[in-house]
Amino acid sequence: MIALNSKQRKLLEGAAHSLSPLVIVGQEGVTDGVIAMLSSQLNSHELVKLKFNEYKEEKRELAAALAQSTGATLVRIIGNIAIFYRESPEEEKRMFKKQLAKLAKTAEPKD
């Protein structure tokens, strides 16, 4: 998991805006299958939306647990949708690395 600043979060939120949820938490809750699916989708896409059809009251705790178990970063929860980010293990599939690194740099104070 990486810590994101507000500019990095905005970048990822904007990129996720047009995405459809690839993983859904249904009446069975967060199962090993949901964790495996989220991890698999993160390997393929880096940025993934997960929709809570059930367990909406516990979505914050469940999303945090999913991020922990998959090694992903929880970007934001908007309504019943959680956005997760995890850098791709394959260098050529990394879509956000340069942009996130650029936004992570802090401005040097001028003398």
N, C-alpha and C. Protein backbone atom coordinates (compact mmCIF):
# COMPACT_ATOMS: atom_id res chain seq x y z
N MET A 1 0.84 -1.18 0.00
CA MET A 1 0.00 0.00 0.00
C MET A 1 0.88 1.24 0.00
N ILE A 2 0.48 2.21 -0.77
CA ILE A 2 1.21 3.47 -0.79
C ILE A 2 0.30 4.56 -0.25
N ALA A 3 0.90 5.56 0.34
CA ALA A 3 0.14 6.70 0.82
C ALA A 3 -0.01 7.68 -0.34
N LEU A 4 -1.22 8.13 -0.55
CA LEU A 4 -1.49 9.07 -1.64
C LEU A 4 -1.79 10.44 -1.08
N ASN A 5 -1.27 11.47 -1.73
CA ASN A 5 -1.66 12.82 -1.35
C ASN A 5 -2.92 13.19 -2.12
N SER A 6 -3.47 14.35 -1.85
CA SER A 6 -4.75 14.73 -2.45
C SER A 6 -4.67 14.86 -3.97
N LYS A 7 -3.54 15.34 -4.49
CA LYS A 7 -3.41 15.47 -5.94
C LYS A 7 -3.35 14.10 -6.61
N GLN A 8 -2.67 13.16 -5.99
CA GLN A 8 -2.60 11.81 -6.53
C GLN A 8 -3.98 11.15 -6.51
N ARG A 9 -4.72 11.35 -5.41
CA ARG A 9 -6.07 10.80 -5.32
C ARG A 9 -6.96 11.36 -6.42
N LYS A 10 -6.87 12.67 -6.65
CA LYS A 10 -7.68 13.31 -7.70
C LYS A 10 -7.36 12.73 -9.07
N LEU A 11 -6.08 12.50 -9.34
CA LEU A 11 -5.68 11.90 -10.61
C LEU A 11 -6.32 10.53 -10.78
N LEU A 12 -6.22 9.69 -9.77
CA LEU A 12 -6.76 8.33 -9.86
C LEU A 12 -8.29 8.34 -9.90
N GLU A 13 -8.91 9.23 -9.13
CA GLU A 13 -10.38 9.34 -9.18
C GLU A 13 -10.85 9.73 -10.57
N GLY A 14 -10.15 10.68 -11.18
CA GLY A 14 -10.51 11.09 -12.54
C GLY A 14 -10.36 9.96 -13.54
N ALA A 15 -9.30 9.19 -13.39
CA ALA A 15 -9.07 8.06 -14.29
C ALA A 15 -10.12 6.97 -14.08
N ALA A 16 -10.60 6.83 -12.86
CA ALA A 16 -11.58 5.79 -12.54
C ALA A 16 -13.00 6.19 -12.92
N HIS A 17 -13.21 7.46 -13.16
CA HIS A 17 -14.57 7.95 -13.40
C HIS A 17 -15.30 7.17 -14.49
N SER A 18 -14.64 6.88 -15.58
CA SER A 18 -15.31 6.21 -16.70
C SER A 18 -15.30 4.69 -16.59
N LEU A 19 -14.67 4.16 -15.56
CA LEU A 19 -14.61 2.71 -15.39
C LEU A 19 -15.91 2.15 -14.83
N SER A 20 -16.21 0.94 -15.19
CA SER A 20 -17.33 0.21 -14.59
C SER A 20 -16.79 -0.67 -13.48
N PRO A 21 -17.60 -0.95 -12.46
CA PRO A 21 -17.14 -1.85 -11.39
C PRO A 21 -16.85 -3.24 -11.96
N LEU A 22 -15.67 -3.76 -11.64
CA LEU A 22 -15.27 -5.09 -12.11
C LEU A 22 -15.49 -6.16 -11.05
N VAL A 23 -15.64 -5.73 -9.81
CA VAL A 23 -15.82 -6.66 -8.70
C VAL A 23 -17.04 -6.19 -7.91
N ILE A 24 -17.87 -7.16 -7.48
CA ILE A 24 -19.09 -6.82 -6.74
C ILE A 24 -19.14 -7.63 -5.45
N VAL A 25 -19.45 -6.93 -4.36
CA VAL A 25 -19.67 -7.60 -3.07
C VAL A 25 -21.17 -7.81 -2.95
N GLY A 26 -21.58 -9.08 -2.98
CA GLY A 26 -22.99 -9.43 -2.91
C GLY A 26 -23.38 -9.95 -1.55
N GLN A 27 -24.43 -10.75 -1.50
CA GLN A 27 -24.97 -11.20 -0.23
C GLN A 27 -24.05 -12.15 0.53
N GLU A 28 -23.09 -12.75 -0.15
CA GLU A 28 -22.12 -13.62 0.54
C GLU A 28 -21.05 -12.82 1.26
N GLY A 29 -20.96 -11.53 0.95
CA GLY A 29 -19.98 -10.67 1.60
C GLY A 29 -18.61 -10.79 0.95
N VAL A 30 -17.60 -10.43 1.74
CA VAL A 30 -16.22 -10.50 1.25
C VAL A 30 -15.71 -11.92 1.46
N THR A 31 -15.69 -12.66 0.39
CA THR A 31 -15.23 -14.06 0.42
C THR A 31 -13.82 -14.13 -0.16
N ASP A 32 -13.23 -15.32 -0.07
CA ASP A 32 -11.93 -15.52 -0.69
C ASP A 32 -12.00 -15.28 -2.19
N GLY A 33 -13.14 -15.60 -2.79
CA GLY A 33 -13.34 -15.37 -4.22
C GLY A 33 -13.32 -13.89 -4.57
N VAL A 34 -13.93 -13.06 -3.73
CA VAL A 34 -13.94 -11.61 -3.96
C VAL A 34 -12.52 -11.07 -3.85
N ILE A 35 -11.79 -11.52 -2.85
CA ILE A 35 -10.41 -11.08 -2.65
C ILE A 35 -9.55 -11.49 -3.84
N ALA A 36 -9.70 -12.75 -4.29
CA ALA A 36 -8.93 -13.24 -5.43
C ALA A 36 -9.29 -12.48 -6.71
N MET A 37 -10.56 -12.20 -6.91
CA MET A 37 -11.00 -11.46 -8.09
C MET A 37 -10.45 -10.03 -8.08
N LEU A 38 -10.51 -9.37 -6.93
CA LEU A 38 -9.98 -8.01 -6.83
C LEU A 38 -8.47 -8.01 -7.11
N SER A 39 -7.76 -8.95 -6.53
CA SER A 39 -6.32 -9.04 -6.75
C SER A 39 -6.00 -9.29 -8.22
N SER A 40 -6.74 -10.17 -8.84
CA SER A 40 -6.55 -10.48 -10.25
C SER A 40 -6.81 -9.26 -11.13
N GLN A 41 -7.89 -8.56 -10.85
CA GLN A 41 -8.24 -7.37 -11.63
C GLN A 41 -7.21 -6.26 -11.43
N LEU A 42 -6.68 -6.13 -10.21
CA LEU A 42 -5.64 -5.14 -9.96
C LEU A 42 -4.37 -5.47 -10.73
N ASN A 43 -4.05 -6.76 -10.86
CA ASN A 43 -2.89 -7.17 -11.66
C ASN A 43 -3.08 -6.78 -13.12
N SER A 44 -4.31 -6.89 -13.60
CA SER A 44 -4.60 -6.60 -15.00
C SER A 44 -4.76 -5.10 -15.29
N HIS A 45 -5.39 -4.39 -14.35
CA HIS A 45 -5.81 -3.02 -14.64
C HIS A 45 -5.21 -1.92 -13.77
N GLU A 46 -4.59 -2.24 -12.67
CA GLU A 46 -4.04 -1.30 -11.69
C GLU A 46 -5.11 -0.51 -10.94
N LEU A 47 -6.11 -0.03 -11.62
CA LEU A 47 -7.14 0.79 -11.02
C LEU A 47 -8.48 0.07 -11.20
N VAL A 48 -9.16 -0.22 -10.09
CA VAL A 48 -10.36 -1.05 -10.14
C VAL A 48 -11.44 -0.46 -9.26
N LYS A 49 -12.66 -0.50 -9.79
CA LYS A 49 -13.83 -0.13 -8.98
C LYS A 49 -14.48 -1.40 -8.46
N LEU A 50 -14.92 -1.34 -7.20
CA LEU A 50 -15.64 -2.43 -6.56
C LEU A 50 -16.97 -1.87 -6.07
N LYS A 51 -18.05 -2.58 -6.35
CA LYS A 51 -19.37 -2.11 -5.96
C LYS A 51 -19.90 -2.95 -4.81
N PHE A 52 -20.46 -2.28 -3.82
CA PHE A 52 -21.12 -2.95 -2.70
C PHE A 52 -22.62 -3.01 -2.99
N ASN A 53 -23.12 -4.18 -3.40
CA ASN A 53 -24.56 -4.38 -3.55
C ASN A 53 -25.18 -4.71 -2.20
N GLU A 54 -24.40 -5.32 -1.35
CA GLU A 54 -24.81 -5.67 0.01
C GLU A 54 -23.73 -5.15 0.96
N TYR A 55 -24.00 -5.23 2.26
CA TYR A 55 -23.04 -4.79 3.29
C TYR A 55 -22.65 -3.33 3.12
N LYS A 56 -23.61 -2.51 2.72
CA LYS A 56 -23.35 -1.10 2.48
C LYS A 56 -23.00 -0.35 3.75
N GLU A 57 -23.54 -0.78 4.88
CA GLU A 57 -23.26 -0.12 6.16
C GLU A 57 -21.82 -0.37 6.61
N GLU A 58 -21.24 -1.49 6.20
CA GLU A 58 -19.88 -1.86 6.61
C GLU A 58 -18.86 -1.60 5.52
N LYS A 59 -19.23 -0.84 4.48
CA LYS A 59 -18.36 -0.71 3.31
C LYS A 59 -16.99 -0.12 3.64
N ARG A 60 -16.91 0.82 4.57
CA ARG A 60 -15.61 1.42 4.90
C ARG A 60 -14.66 0.41 5.52
N GLU A 61 -15.17 -0.37 6.47
CA GLU A 61 -14.35 -1.39 7.12
C GLU A 61 -13.97 -2.50 6.14
N LEU A 62 -14.93 -2.93 5.34
CA LEU A 62 -14.67 -3.98 4.36
C LEU A 62 -13.68 -3.53 3.29
N ALA A 63 -13.82 -2.29 2.82
CA ALA A 63 -12.91 -1.77 1.80
C ALA A 63 -11.48 -1.68 2.36
N ALA A 64 -11.36 -1.24 3.60
CA ALA A 64 -10.03 -1.16 4.23
C ALA A 64 -9.42 -2.55 4.36
N ALA A 65 -10.24 -3.54 4.74
CA ALA A 65 -9.76 -4.91 4.87
C ALA A 65 -9.36 -5.49 3.51
N LEU A 66 -10.14 -5.17 2.48
CA LEU A 66 -9.80 -5.63 1.12
C LEU A 66 -8.48 -5.02 0.65
N ALA A 67 -8.29 -3.74 0.93
CA ALA A 67 -7.04 -3.09 0.55
C ALA A 67 -5.86 -3.75 1.25
N GLN A 68 -6.04 -4.02 2.52
CA GLN A 68 -4.98 -4.68 3.30
C GLN A 68 -4.66 -6.06 2.75
N SER A 69 -5.68 -6.85 2.48
CA SER A 69 -5.46 -8.23 2.05
C SER A 69 -4.94 -8.36 0.63
N THR A 70 -5.16 -7.33 -0.20
CA THR A 70 -4.67 -7.39 -1.57
C THR A 70 -3.40 -6.56 -1.79
N GLY A 71 -2.99 -5.83 -0.77
CA GLY A 71 -1.82 -4.97 -0.91
C GLY A 71 -2.09 -3.75 -1.78
N ALA A 72 -3.35 -3.38 -1.87
CA ALA A 72 -3.75 -2.24 -2.70
C ALA A 72 -3.94 -1.01 -1.82
N THR A 73 -4.12 0.10 -2.47
CA THR A 73 -4.42 1.36 -1.79
C THR A 73 -5.88 1.70 -2.07
N LEU A 74 -6.61 2.00 -1.02
CA LEU A 74 -7.99 2.45 -1.18
C LEU A 74 -7.94 3.93 -1.54
N VAL A 75 -8.29 4.25 -2.77
CA VAL A 75 -8.23 5.62 -3.26
C VAL A 75 -9.37 6.44 -2.67
N ARG A 76 -10.59 5.94 -2.79
CA ARG A 76 -11.75 6.68 -2.30
C ARG A 76 -12.96 5.78 -2.32
N ILE A 77 -13.92 6.11 -1.45
CA ILE A 77 -15.24 5.47 -1.49
C ILE A 77 -16.23 6.57 -1.86
N ILE A 78 -16.94 6.35 -2.95
CA ILE A 78 -17.94 7.30 -3.41
C ILE A 78 -19.25 6.54 -3.51
N GLY A 79 -20.19 6.89 -2.67
CA GLY A 79 -21.45 6.15 -2.62
C GLY A 79 -21.18 4.72 -2.19
N ASN A 80 -21.58 3.78 -3.00
CA ASN A 80 -21.34 2.36 -2.71
C ASN A 80 -20.25 1.77 -3.60
N ILE A 81 -19.40 2.63 -4.12
CA ILE A 81 -18.31 2.23 -4.99
C ILE A 81 -16.98 2.56 -4.30
N ALA A 82 -16.10 1.57 -4.26
CA ALA A 82 -14.75 1.78 -3.72
C ALA A 82 -13.77 1.70 -4.89
N ILE A 83 -12.79 2.60 -4.88
CA ILE A 83 -11.77 2.63 -5.92
C ILE A 83 -10.45 2.16 -5.30
N PHE A 84 -9.83 1.16 -5.92
CA PHE A 84 -8.57 0.60 -5.44
C PHE A 84 -7.48 0.80 -6.49
N TYR A 85 -6.26 1.01 -6.01
CA TYR A 85 -5.10 1.13 -6.90
C TYR A 85 -3.97 0.25 -6.37
N ARG A 86 -3.34 -0.47 -7.27
CA ARG A 86 -2.12 -1.20 -6.96
C ARG A 86 -1.27 -1.21 -8.23
N GLU A 87 -0.02 -0.78 -8.08
CA GLU A 87 0.88 -0.73 -9.22
C GLU A 87 1.05 -2.12 -9.82
N SER A 88 1.03 -2.18 -11.13
CA SER A 88 1.17 -3.45 -11.84
C SER A 88 2.56 -4.04 -11.59
N PRO A 89 2.64 -5.35 -11.42
CA PRO A 89 3.96 -5.96 -11.26
C PRO A 89 4.78 -5.94 -12.55
N GLU A 90 4.11 -5.73 -13.68
CA GLU A 90 4.78 -5.69 -14.98
C GLU A 90 5.03 -4.24 -15.39
N GLU A 91 6.28 -3.91 -15.57
CA GLU A 91 6.70 -2.54 -15.88
C GLU A 91 5.93 -1.93 -17.05
N GLU A 92 5.72 -2.70 -18.12
CA GLU A 92 5.08 -2.15 -19.31
C GLU A 92 3.59 -1.87 -19.12
N LYS A 93 2.98 -2.41 -18.08
CA LYS A 93 1.55 -2.19 -17.82
C LYS A 93 1.29 -1.06 -16.83
N ARG A 94 2.34 -0.43 -16.33
CA ARG A 94 2.17 0.64 -15.34
C ARG A 94 1.73 1.92 -16.03
N MET A 95 0.47 2.28 -15.82
CA MET A 95 -0.10 3.44 -16.50
C MET A 95 0.05 4.74 -15.73
N PHE A 96 0.18 4.67 -14.41
CA PHE A 96 0.12 5.88 -13.58
C PHE A 96 1.42 6.19 -12.86
N LYS A 97 2.44 5.37 -13.00
CA LYS A 97 3.66 5.51 -12.21
C LYS A 97 4.29 6.89 -12.37
N LYS A 98 4.49 7.35 -13.60
CA LYS A 98 5.15 8.63 -13.84
C LYS A 98 4.31 9.80 -13.32
N GLN A 99 3.01 9.73 -13.58
CA GLN A 99 2.13 10.82 -13.14
C GLN A 99 2.07 10.90 -11.61
N LEU A 100 1.97 9.76 -10.95
CA LEU A 100 1.92 9.74 -9.49
C LEU A 100 3.24 10.22 -8.89
N ALA A 101 4.35 9.82 -9.49
CA ALA A 101 5.66 10.26 -9.00
C ALA A 101 5.81 11.76 -9.15
N LYS A 102 5.34 12.29 -10.26
CA LYS A 102 5.43 13.73 -10.49
C LYS A 102 4.60 14.50 -9.45
N LEU A 103 3.41 13.99 -9.15
CA LEU A 103 2.55 14.66 -8.17
C LEU A 103 3.03 14.45 -6.73
N ALA A 104 3.86 13.45 -6.51
CA ALA A 104 4.37 13.17 -5.17
C ALA A 104 5.47 14.14 -4.76
N LYS A 105 6.13 14.70 -5.75
CA LYS A 105 7.23 15.62 -5.45
C LYS A 105 6.67 16.89 -4.82
N THR A 106 7.33 17.30 -3.77
CA THR A 106 6.92 18.53 -3.10
C THR A 106 7.74 19.69 -3.66
N ALA A 107 7.15 20.83 -3.67
CA ALA A 107 7.85 22.02 -4.19
C ALA A 107 8.97 22.40 -3.24
N GLU A 108 10.11 22.67 -3.82
CA GLU A 108 11.26 23.09 -3.02
C GLU A 108 11.06 24.55 -2.61
N PRO A 109 11.33 24.88 -1.35
CA PRO A 109 11.20 26.29 -0.93
C PRO A 109 12.24 27.16 -1.65
N LYS A 110 11.80 28.32 -2.07
CA LYS A 110 12.70 29.25 -2.78
C LYS A 110 13.33 30.20 -1.77
N ASP A 111 14.62 30.46 -1.97
CA ASP A 111 15.34 31.37 -1.06
C ASP A 111 15.17 32.80 -1.49
